[in-house]
Amino acid sequence: MLKVKPSITIDAAVIGYTDSSDDPEGVGALLMALLREDGQFQVIGSCGNMPTEERRAFKKMLAGKEIGSNFRYANSKGALYRFVKPETVIEFKVTDIQGEDSSGDPIHRMVLEHGAKGWTTVREMPGASILHPVFVRLRDDKSVNPTDIRVAQVLERCLIDGLAKKAERVVLPASAVVRREVYAKEAKGQVAVRKLVLWQTNKETLDRSYPAYVVHWTDYSAGRKDPLQREVRVAPNLAEAQRIADEIIAENIKKGWDRQA
């Protein structure tokens, strides 16, 4: 018995690309976005499944047209996307679209604005996750407008709250330092420094990309092959953050280290 599952097609704007690690003349993947009802763009995902000739055609089309962006987006290998003007529309197909993750929580995607200075972030809003995207064709017959690349295309397959709501840029409060300790040790005429800083972000309820607390450890030794080493750990509450900080101090501050602050 064969299991047949229909594919879903979506038209989206290309807003960025990565270079191919296998073919310098081709793109690795395209970053795509849809237009919300408020005129803002929302990232829907990326597509790297396409023939070699298409990869090279997109590289010729997009290379040299990069614009600024304060939003950073990396592929699975860590390569950052190069952002471009939203001028190209493509059609791609997926096996499924999901508005929730495996825990039943809403999936969030970044909302962006495009202007004279390039791309700027607004905030993350409920969005969709696409499964197994495959490039279909370039849509020369369509343009970047609220009809051709409307975000409502995903509503035909899943329910997403807030797609019609305007994404307002959030002014995030400043972080507050909770704990700061600096230690120094002199050896062979060189001074080594180790510093612990624990701060409360005050942002976790407004932006889910921020943890409640951050513990940052800096270890500097001029005589070492790698002089500057850092470690960053996050915590959901103050008690856990203090436990992590105490653990780091106990492991790294032994006899001979003098506290400076």
C-alpha atoms as a PDB file:
ATOM      1  CA  MET A   1       0.000   0.000   0.000  1.00  0.00           C
ATOM      2  CA  LEU A   2       1.290   3.426  -0.948  1.00  0.00           C
ATOM      3  CA  LYS A   3       0.756   6.438   1.271  1.00  0.00           C
ATOM      4  CA  VAL A   4       0.021   9.577  -0.721  1.00  0.00           C
ATOM      5  CA  LYS A   5       0.357  12.973   0.948  1.00  0.00           C
ATOM      6  CA  PRO A   6      -0.529  16.122  -0.995  1.00  0.00           C
ATOM      7  CA  SER A   7       2.064  18.871  -1.204  1.00  0.00           C
ATOM      8  CA  ILE A   8       1.362  22.487  -0.309  1.00  0.00           C
ATOM      9  CA  THR A   9       2.629  25.336  -2.478  1.00  0.00           C
ATOM     10  CA  ILE A  10       3.451  28.828  -1.225  1.00  0.00           C
ATOM     11  CA  ASP A  11       4.610  31.996  -2.963  1.00  0.00           C
ATOM     12  CA  ALA A  12       7.110  34.047  -0.954  1.00  0.00           C
ATOM     13  CA  ALA A  13       9.616  36.864  -1.320  1.00  0.00           C
ATOM     14  CA  VAL A  14      13.322  36.101  -1.282  1.00  0.00           C
ATOM     15  CA  ILE A  15      14.974  38.297   1.362  1.00  0.00           C
ATOM     16  CA  GLY A  16      18.374  36.638   1.684  1.00  0.00           C
ATOM     17  CA  TYR A  17      20.710  33.875   0.588  1.00  0.00           C
ATOM     18  CA  THR A  18      23.748  31.907   1.699  1.00  0.00           C
ATOM     19  CA  ASP A  19      26.707  30.878  -0.417  1.00  0.00           C
ATOM     20  CA  SER A  20      26.959  27.201  -1.277  1.00  0.00           C
ATOM     21  CA  SER A  21      29.734  25.335   0.537  1.00  0.00           C
ATOM     22  CA  ASP A  22      29.992  22.911  -2.403  1.00  0.00           C
ATOM     23  CA  ASP A  23      29.678  25.248  -5.381  1.00  0.00           C
ATOM     24  CA  PRO A  24      31.106  28.799  -5.233  1.00  0.00           C
ATOM     25  CA  GLU A  25      28.971  29.737  -8.241  1.00  0.00           C
ATOM     26  CA  GLY A  26      25.708  28.825  -6.531  1.00  0.00           C
ATOM     27  CA  VAL A  27      23.611  29.736  -3.502  1.00  0.00           C
ATOM     28  CA  GLY A  28      23.237  27.363  -0.616  1.00  0.00           C
ATOM     29  CA  ALA A  29      19.707  28.357   0.379  1.00  0.00           C
ATOM     30  CA  LEU A  30      17.203  31.181   0.045  1.00  0.00           C
ATOM     31  CA  LEU A  31      15.605  32.920   3.026  1.00  0.00           C
ATOM     32  CA  MET A  32      11.922  33.643   2.470  1.00  0.00           C
ATOM     33  CA  ALA A  33       9.285  35.924   3.966  1.00  0.00           C
ATOM     34  CA  LEU A  34       5.583  36.646   3.568  1.00  0.00           C
ATOM     35  CA  LEU A  35       3.758  39.972   3.778  1.00  0.00           C
ATOM     36  CA  ARG A  36       1.529  40.566   6.778  1.00  0.00           C
ATOM     37  CA  GLU A  37      -1.653  42.597   6.590  1.00  0.00           C
ATOM     38  CA  ASP A  38       0.161  45.525   8.246  1.00  0.00           C
ATOM     39  CA  GLY A  39       2.710  45.641   5.411  1.00  0.00           C
ATOM     40  CA  GLN A  40       5.512  44.108   7.454  1.00  0.00           C
ATOM     41  CA  PHE A  41       7.460  41.023   6.398  1.00  0.00           C
ATOM     42  CA  GLN A  42       7.524  37.844   8.455  1.00  0.00           C
ATOM     43  CA  VAL A  43      10.171  35.174   7.996  1.00  0.00           C
ATOM     44  CA  ILE A  44       8.669  31.819   7.086  1.00  0.00           C
ATOM     45  CA  GLY A  45      11.849  29.815   6.585  1.00  0.00           C
ATOM     46  CA  SER A  46      14.499  28.855   4.067  1.00  0.00           C
ATOM     47  CA  CYS A  47      14.717  26.600   1.028  1.00  0.00           C
ATOM     48  CA  GLY A  48      17.883  24.921  -0.183  1.00  0.00           C
ATOM     49  CA  ASN A  49      16.425  22.008  -2.121  1.00  0.00           C
ATOM     50  CA  MET A  50      16.807  22.991  -5.771  1.00  0.00           C
ATOM     51  CA  PRO A  51      18.731  21.936  -8.918  1.00  0.00           C
ATOM     52  CA  THR A  52      22.288  23.121  -9.496  1.00  0.00           C
ATOM     53  CA  GLU A  53      21.301  25.312 -12.437  1.00  0.00           C
ATOM     54  CA  GLU A  54      18.778  27.123 -10.251  1.00  0.00           C
ATOM     55  CA  ARG A  55      21.364  27.655  -7.510  1.00  0.00           C
ATOM     56  CA  ARG A  56      23.715  29.274  -9.993  1.00  0.00           C
ATOM     57  CA  ALA A  57      20.978  31.387 -11.534  1.00  0.00           C
ATOM     58  CA  PHE A  58      20.041  32.790  -8.142  1.00  0.00           C
ATOM     59  CA  LYS A  59      23.686  33.495  -7.339  1.00  0.00           C
ATOM     60  CA  LYS A  60      24.002  35.593 -10.515  1.00  0.00           C
ATOM     61  CA  MET A  61      20.706  37.309  -9.719  1.00  0.00           C
ATOM     62  CA  LEU A  62      21.438  38.163  -6.065  1.00  0.00           C
ATOM     63  CA  ALA A  63      25.230  38.490  -5.713  1.00  0.00           C
ATOM     64  CA  GLY A  64      26.340  42.070  -5.263  1.00  0.00           C
ATOM     65  CA  LYS A  65      22.872  43.249  -4.236  1.00  0.00           C
ATOM     66  CA  GLU A  66      23.306  42.792  -0.495  1.00  0.00           C
ATOM     67  CA  ILE A  67      21.803  45.422   1.808  1.00  0.00           C
ATOM     68  CA  GLY A  68      22.086  46.177   5.507  1.00  0.00           C
ATOM     69  CA  SER A  69      20.210  44.316   8.211  1.00  0.00           C
ATOM     70  CA  ASN A  70      20.274  44.386  11.992  1.00  0.00           C
ATOM     71  CA  PHE A  71      18.751  40.896  11.937  1.00  0.00           C
ATOM     72  CA  ARG A  72      21.109  37.934  11.836  1.00  0.00           C
ATOM     73  CA  TYR A  73      19.898  34.570  10.606  1.00  0.00           C
ATOM     74  CA  ALA A  74      22.094  31.483  10.209  1.00  0.00           C
ATOM     75  CA  ASN A  75      21.580  28.183   8.447  1.00  0.00           C
ATOM     76  CA  SER A  76      22.075  24.785  10.082  1.00  0.00           C
ATOM     77  CA  LYS A  77      25.822  24.960   9.421  1.00  0.00           C
ATOM     78  CA  GLY A  78      26.189  28.386  11.020  1.00  0.00           C
ATOM     79  CA  ALA A  79      26.541  30.389   7.799  1.00  0.00           C
ATOM     80  CA  LEU A  80      24.851  33.786   7.957  1.00  0.00           C
ATOM     81  CA  TYR A  81      22.360  34.831   5.312  1.00  0.00           C
ATOM     82  CA  ARG A  82      23.161  37.827   3.127  1.00  0.00           C
ATOM     83  CA  PHE A  83      20.088  40.056   2.998  1.00  0.00           C
ATOM     84  CA  VAL A  84      18.775  41.539  -0.243  1.00  0.00           C
ATOM     85  CA  LYS A  85      15.878  43.745  -1.316  1.00  0.00           C
ATOM     86  CA  PRO A  86      12.500  41.940  -1.486  1.00  0.00           C
ATOM     87  CA  GLU A  87      12.189  41.973  -5.253  1.00  0.00           C
ATOM     88  CA  THR A  88      12.050  38.284  -6.196  1.00  0.00           C
ATOM     89  CA  VAL A  89       9.093  35.946  -5.719  1.00  0.00           C
ATOM     90  CA  ILE A  90       9.465  32.174  -5.776  1.00  0.00           C
ATOM     91  CA  GLU A  91       7.093  29.258  -5.451  1.00  0.00           C
ATOM     92  CA  PHE A  92       8.060  26.370  -3.212  1.00  0.00           C
ATOM     93  CA  LYS A  93       6.256  23.316  -1.925  1.00  0.00           C
ATOM     94  CA  VAL A  94       6.216  21.744   1.535  1.00  0.00           C
ATOM     95  CA  THR A  95       4.808  18.586   3.054  1.00  0.00           C
ATOM     96  CA  ASP A  96       3.237  20.384   6.008  1.00  0.00           C
ATOM     97  CA  ILE A  97       2.840  23.719   7.793  1.00  0.00           C
ATOM     98  CA  GLN A  98       2.683  23.908  11.569  1.00  0.00           C
ATOM     99  CA  GLY A  99       1.669  26.734  13.871  1.00  0.00           C
ATOM    100  CA  GLU A 100       2.688  24.943  17.083  1.00  0.00           C
ATOM    101  CA  ASP A 101       5.734  23.013  18.239  1.00  0.00           C
ATOM    102  CA  SER A 102       5.715  19.504  19.718  1.00  0.00           C
ATOM    103  CA  SER A 103       4.790  20.933  23.134  1.00  0.00           C
ATOM    104  CA  GLY A 104       1.761  22.749  21.766  1.00  0.00           C
ATOM    105  CA  ASP A 105       3.344  26.174  22.134  1.00  0.00           C
ATOM    106  CA  PRO A 106       2.986  28.768  19.336  1.00  0.00           C
ATOM    107  CA  ILE A 107       5.861  28.957  16.858  1.00  0.00           C
ATOM    108  CA  HIS A 108       7.317  32.452  16.625  1.00  0.00           C
ATOM    109  CA  ARG A 109       9.014  34.016  13.596  1.00  0.00           C
ATOM    110  CA  MET A 110      10.723  37.379  13.285  1.00  0.00           C
ATOM    111  CA  VAL A 111       8.791  40.293  11.792  1.00  0.00           C
ATOM    112  CA  LEU A 112      10.906  42.719   9.753  1.00  0.00           C
ATOM    113  CA  GLU A 113      10.531  46.090   8.097  1.00  0.00           C
ATOM    114  CA  HIS A 114      12.289  47.024   4.866  1.00  0.00           C
ATOM    115  CA  GLY A 115      13.335  50.627   4.284  1.00  0.00           C
ATOM    116  CA  ALA A 116      16.063  52.933   3.043  1.00  0.00           C
ATOM    117  CA  LYS A 117      18.554  51.527   5.562  1.00  0.00           C
ATOM    118  CA  GLY A 118      17.732  47.927   4.745  1.00  0.00           C
ATOM    119  CA  TRP A 119      16.103  45.427   7.080  1.00  0.00           C
ATOM    120  CA  THR A 120      15.235  46.209  10.683  1.00  0.00           C
ATOM    121  CA  THR A 121      13.702  43.910  13.256  1.00  0.00           C
ATOM    122  CA  VAL A 122      10.339  44.647  14.816  1.00  0.00           C
ATOM    123  CA  ARG A 123       9.707  41.667  17.088  1.00  0.00           C
ATOM    124  CA  GLU A 124       8.891  37.979  16.977  1.00  0.00           C
ATOM    125  CA  MET A 125       5.220  37.150  16.431  1.00  0.00           C
ATOM    126  CA  PRO A 126       3.280  33.880  16.085  1.00  0.00           C
ATOM    127  CA  GLY A 127       4.166  32.361  12.728  1.00  0.00           C
ATOM    128  CA  ALA A 128       4.554  29.030  10.981  1.00  0.00           C
ATOM    129  CA  SER A 129       7.105  26.287  10.557  1.00  0.00           C
ATOM    130  CA  ILE A 130       7.446  24.695   7.112  1.00  0.00           C
ATOM    131  CA  LEU A 131       8.468  21.076   6.649  1.00  0.00           C
ATOM    132  CA  HIS A 132      10.696  19.842   3.787  1.00  0.00           C
ATOM    133  CA  PRO A 133      10.578  22.887   1.486  1.00  0.00           C
ATOM    134  CA  VAL A 134      11.435  22.247  -2.159  1.00  0.00           C
ATOM    135  CA  PHE A 135      11.933  24.953  -4.783  1.00  0.00           C
ATOM    136  CA  VAL A 136       9.353  24.818  -7.600  1.00  0.00           C
ATOM    137  CA  ARG A 137       9.897  27.849  -9.822  1.00  0.00           C
ATOM    138  CA  LEU A 138      10.624  31.542 -10.093  1.00  0.00           C
ATOM    139  CA  ARG A 139       7.386  33.536 -10.239  1.00  0.00           C
ATOM    140  CA  ASP A 140       8.095  36.291 -12.771  1.00  0.00           C
ATOM    141  CA  ASP A 141       4.349  36.770 -13.056  1.00  0.00           C
ATOM    142  CA  LYS A 142       4.058  37.827  -9.417  1.00  0.00           C
ATOM    143  CA  SER A 143       5.459  40.721  -7.425  1.00  0.00           C
ATOM    144  CA  VAL A 144       6.045  41.629  -3.800  1.00  0.00           C
ATOM    145  CA  ASN A 145       2.606  42.857  -2.792  1.00  0.00           C
ATOM    146  CA  PRO A 146       0.022  42.025  -0.080  1.00  0.00           C
ATOM    147  CA  THR A 147      -1.908  39.768  -2.460  1.00  0.00           C
ATOM    148  CA  ASP A 148       0.746  37.672  -4.186  1.00  0.00           C
ATOM    149  CA  ILE A 149       2.811  36.845  -1.091  1.00  0.00           C
ATOM    150  CA  ARG A 150       0.192  37.302   1.620  1.00  0.00           C
ATOM    151  CA  VAL A 151       0.893  35.671   4.956  1.00  0.00           C
ATOM    152  CA  ALA A 152      -2.679  34.339   4.955  1.00  0.00           C
ATOM    153  CA  GLN A 153      -1.499  31.539   2.634  1.00  0.00           C
ATOM    154  CA  VAL A 154      -0.531  29.563   5.733  1.00  0.00           C
ATOM    155  CA  LEU A 155      -4.004  29.956   7.287  1.00  0.00           C
ATOM    156  CA  GLU A 156      -5.349  27.499   4.745  1.00  0.00           C
ATOM    157  CA  ARG A 157      -3.408  24.766   6.563  1.00  0.00           C
ATOM    158  CA  CYS A 158      -3.104  25.858  10.204  1.00  0.00           C
ATOM    159  CA  LEU A 159      -4.546  28.325  12.685  1.00  0.00           C
ATOM    160  CA  ILE A 160      -2.220  31.125  13.789  1.00  0.00           C
ATOM    161  CA  ASP A 161      -3.383  33.791  16.207  1.00  0.00           C
ATOM    162  CA  GLY A 162      -2.132  37.305  15.692  1.00  0.00           C
ATOM    163  CA  LEU A 163      -1.427  37.288  11.957  1.00  0.00           C
ATOM    164  CA  ALA A 164      -3.817  40.218  11.521  1.00  0.00           C
ATOM    165  CA  LYS A 165      -2.363  42.078  14.500  1.00  0.00           C
ATOM    166  CA  LYS A 166       0.169  44.802  13.797  1.00  0.00           C
ATOM    167  CA  ALA A 167       3.603  43.968  15.188  1.00  0.00           C
ATOM    168  CA  GLU A 168       4.710  46.823  17.415  1.00  0.00           C
ATOM    169  CA  ARG A 169       8.383  47.361  18.145  1.00  0.00           C
ATOM    170  CA  VAL A 170       9.035  46.733  21.844  1.00  0.00           C
ATOM    171  CA  VAL A 171      11.300  49.029  23.867  1.00  0.00           C
ATOM    172  CA  LEU A 172      13.131  46.627  26.136  1.00  0.00           C
ATOM    173  CA  PRO A 173      14.169  47.632  29.673  1.00  0.00           C
ATOM    174  CA  ALA A 174      17.836  47.819  30.645  1.00  0.00           C
ATOM    175  CA  SER A 175      19.571  44.897  32.301  1.00  0.00           C
ATOM    176  CA  ALA A 176      20.730  45.132  35.918  1.00  0.00           C
ATOM    177  CA  VAL A 177      23.996  43.765  37.295  1.00  0.00           C
ATOM    178  CA  VAL A 178      23.317  41.531  40.296  1.00  0.00           C
ATOM    179  CA  ARG A 179      26.818  40.276  41.050  1.00  0.00           C
ATOM    180  CA  ARG A 180      30.296  41.196  39.891  1.00  0.00           C
ATOM    181  CA  GLU A 181      33.595  39.700  41.069  1.00  0.00           C
ATOM    182  CA  VAL A 182      37.073  40.301  39.667  1.00  0.00           C
ATOM    183  CA  TYR A 183      40.189  38.321  40.626  1.00  0.00           C
ATOM    184  CA  ALA A 184      43.847  38.765  39.661  1.00  0.00           C
ATOM    185  CA  LYS A 185      46.971  36.643  39.950  1.00  0.00           C
ATOM    186  CA  GLU A 186      50.551  37.549  39.045  1.00  0.00           C
ATOM    187  CA  ALA A 187      52.949  34.922  37.716  1.00  0.00           C
ATOM    188  CA  LYS A 188      56.263  35.371  35.897  1.00  0.00           C
ATOM    189  CA  GLY A 189      55.700  39.093  35.593  1.00  0.00           C
ATOM    190  CA  GLN A 190      52.286  38.751  33.953  1.00  0.00           C
ATOM    191  CA  VAL A 191      48.901  39.406  35.502  1.00  0.00           C
ATOM    192  CA  ALA A 192      46.024  37.011  34.840  1.00  0.00           C
ATOM    193  CA  VAL A 193      42.456  38.204  35.372  1.00  0.00           C
ATOM    194  CA  ARG A 194      39.256  36.280  35.980  1.00  0.00           C
ATOM    195  CA  LYS A 195      35.886  38.015  36.154  1.00  0.00           C
ATOM    196  CA  LEU A 196      32.371  36.894  36.928  1.00  0.00           C
ATOM    197  CA  VAL A 197      29.320  39.013  36.078  1.00  0.00           C
ATOM    198  CA  LEU A 198      25.746  37.968  36.793  1.00  0.00           C
ATOM    199  CA  TRP A 199      22.925  40.132  35.500  1.00  0.00           C
ATOM    200  CA  GLN A 200      19.148  40.149  35.293  1.00  0.00           C
ATOM    201  CA  THR A 201      17.941  40.910  31.771  1.00  0.00           C
ATOM    202  CA  ASN A 202      14.466  42.220  32.742  1.00  0.00           C
ATOM    203  CA  LYS A 203      13.376  41.254  29.233  1.00  0.00           C
ATOM    204  CA  GLU A 204      12.239  37.633  29.408  1.00  0.00           C
ATOM    205  CA  THR A 205       8.528  38.470  29.674  1.00  0.00           C
ATOM    206  CA  LEU A 206       8.674  40.789  26.646  1.00  0.00           C
ATOM    207  CA  ASP A 207      10.959  38.833  24.324  1.00  0.00           C
ATOM    208  CA  ARG A 208      11.259  35.063  24.598  1.00  0.00           C
ATOM    209  CA  SER A 209      14.746  35.139  23.058  1.00  0.00           C
ATOM    210  CA  TYR A 210      16.080  36.585  26.339  1.00  0.00           C
ATOM    211  CA  PRO A 211      16.711  34.444  29.427  1.00  0.00           C
ATOM    212  CA  ALA A 212      15.847  35.815  32.869  1.00  0.00           C
ATOM    213  CA  TYR A 213      19.452  35.747  34.139  1.00  0.00           C
ATOM    214  CA  VAL A 214      22.884  35.503  32.524  1.00  0.00           C
ATOM    215  CA  VAL A 215      26.157  34.407  34.118  1.00  0.00           C
ATOM    216  CA  HIS A 216      29.266  35.516  32.199  1.00  0.00           C
ATOM    217  CA  TRP A 217      32.746  34.242  33.055  1.00  0.00           C
ATOM    218  CA  THR A 218      35.908  35.818  31.597  1.00  0.00           C
ATOM    219  CA  ASP A 219      39.343  34.219  31.927  1.00  0.00           C
ATOM    220  CA  TYR A 220      42.324  36.232  30.637  1.00  0.00           C
ATOM    221  CA  SER A 221      45.944  35.006  30.734  1.00  0.00           C
ATOM    222  CA  ALA A 222      48.487  36.728  28.478  1.00  0.00           C
ATOM    223  CA  GLY A 223      50.891  33.775  28.463  1.00  0.00           C
ATOM    224  CA  ARG A 224      48.345  31.306  27.164  1.00  0.00           C
ATOM    225  CA  LYS A 225      47.962  30.282  23.521  1.00  0.00           C
ATOM    226  CA  ASP A 226      44.349  31.407  23.697  1.00  0.00           C
ATOM    227  CA  PRO A 227      44.622  34.421  26.046  1.00  0.00           C
ATOM    228  CA  LEU A 228      40.927  35.276  26.326  1.00  0.00           C
ATOM    229  CA  GLN A 229      38.356  32.623  27.164  1.00  0.00           C
ATOM    230  CA  ARG A 230      34.668  33.173  27.912  1.00  0.00           C
ATOM    231  CA  GLU A 231      31.801  31.104  29.192  1.00  0.00           C
ATOM    232  CA  VAL A 232      28.150  32.152  29.163  1.00  0.00           C
ATOM    233  CA  ARG A 233      25.402  30.342  31.032  1.00  0.00           C
ATOM    234  CA  VAL A 234      21.753  31.277  31.490  1.00  0.00           C
ATOM    235  CA  ALA A 235      19.269  30.661  34.285  1.00  0.00           C
ATOM    236  CA  PRO A 236      15.482  30.978  34.717  1.00  0.00           C
ATOM    237  CA  ASN A 237      15.673  32.479  38.218  1.00  0.00           C
ATOM    238  CA  LEU A 238      18.061  34.177  40.648  1.00  0.00           C
ATOM    239  CA  ALA A 239      18.608  31.120  42.837  1.00  0.00           C
ATOM    240  CA  GLU A 240      19.797  29.027  39.872  1.00  0.00           C
ATOM    241  CA  ALA A 241      21.950  31.881  38.571  1.00  0.00           C
ATOM    242  CA  GLN A 242      23.657  32.244  41.970  1.00  0.00           C
ATOM    243  CA  ARG A 243      24.222  28.486  42.124  1.00  0.00           C
ATOM    244  CA  ILE A 244      25.926  28.561  38.717  1.00  0.00           C
ATOM    245  CA  ALA A 245      28.038  31.553  39.757  1.00  0.00           C
ATOM    246  CA  ASP A 246      29.112  29.855  43.004  1.00  0.00           C
ATOM    247  CA  GLU A 247      30.030  26.724  41.067  1.00  0.00           C
ATOM    248  CA  ILE A 248      32.188  28.665  38.604  1.00  0.00           C
ATOM    249  CA  ILE A 249      33.989  30.522  41.413  1.00  0.00           C
ATOM    250  CA  ALA A 250      34.638  27.297  43.344  1.00  0.00           C
ATOM    251  CA  GLU A 251      36.090  25.599  40.262  1.00  0.00           C
ATOM    252  CA  ASN A 252      38.292  28.469  39.076  1.00  0.00           C
ATOM    253  CA  ILE A 253      39.357  30.553  42.083  1.00  0.00           C
ATOM    254  CA  LYS A 254      41.942  28.722  44.153  1.00  0.00           C
ATOM    255  CA  LYS A 255      44.900  29.780  46.268  1.00  0.00           C
ATOM    256  CA  GLY A 256      46.850  32.736  44.886  1.00  0.00           C
ATOM    257  CA  TRP A 257      43.935  34.602  43.356  1.00  0.00           C
ATOM    258  CA  ASP A 258      43.254  37.999  44.958  1.00  0.00           C
ATOM    259  CA  ARG A 259      39.849  39.602  44.710  1.00  0.00           C
ATOM    260  CA  GLN A 260      39.961  43.083  43.168  1.00  0.00           C
ATOM    261  CA  ALA A 261      36.272  44.002  43.174  1.00  0.00           C
END
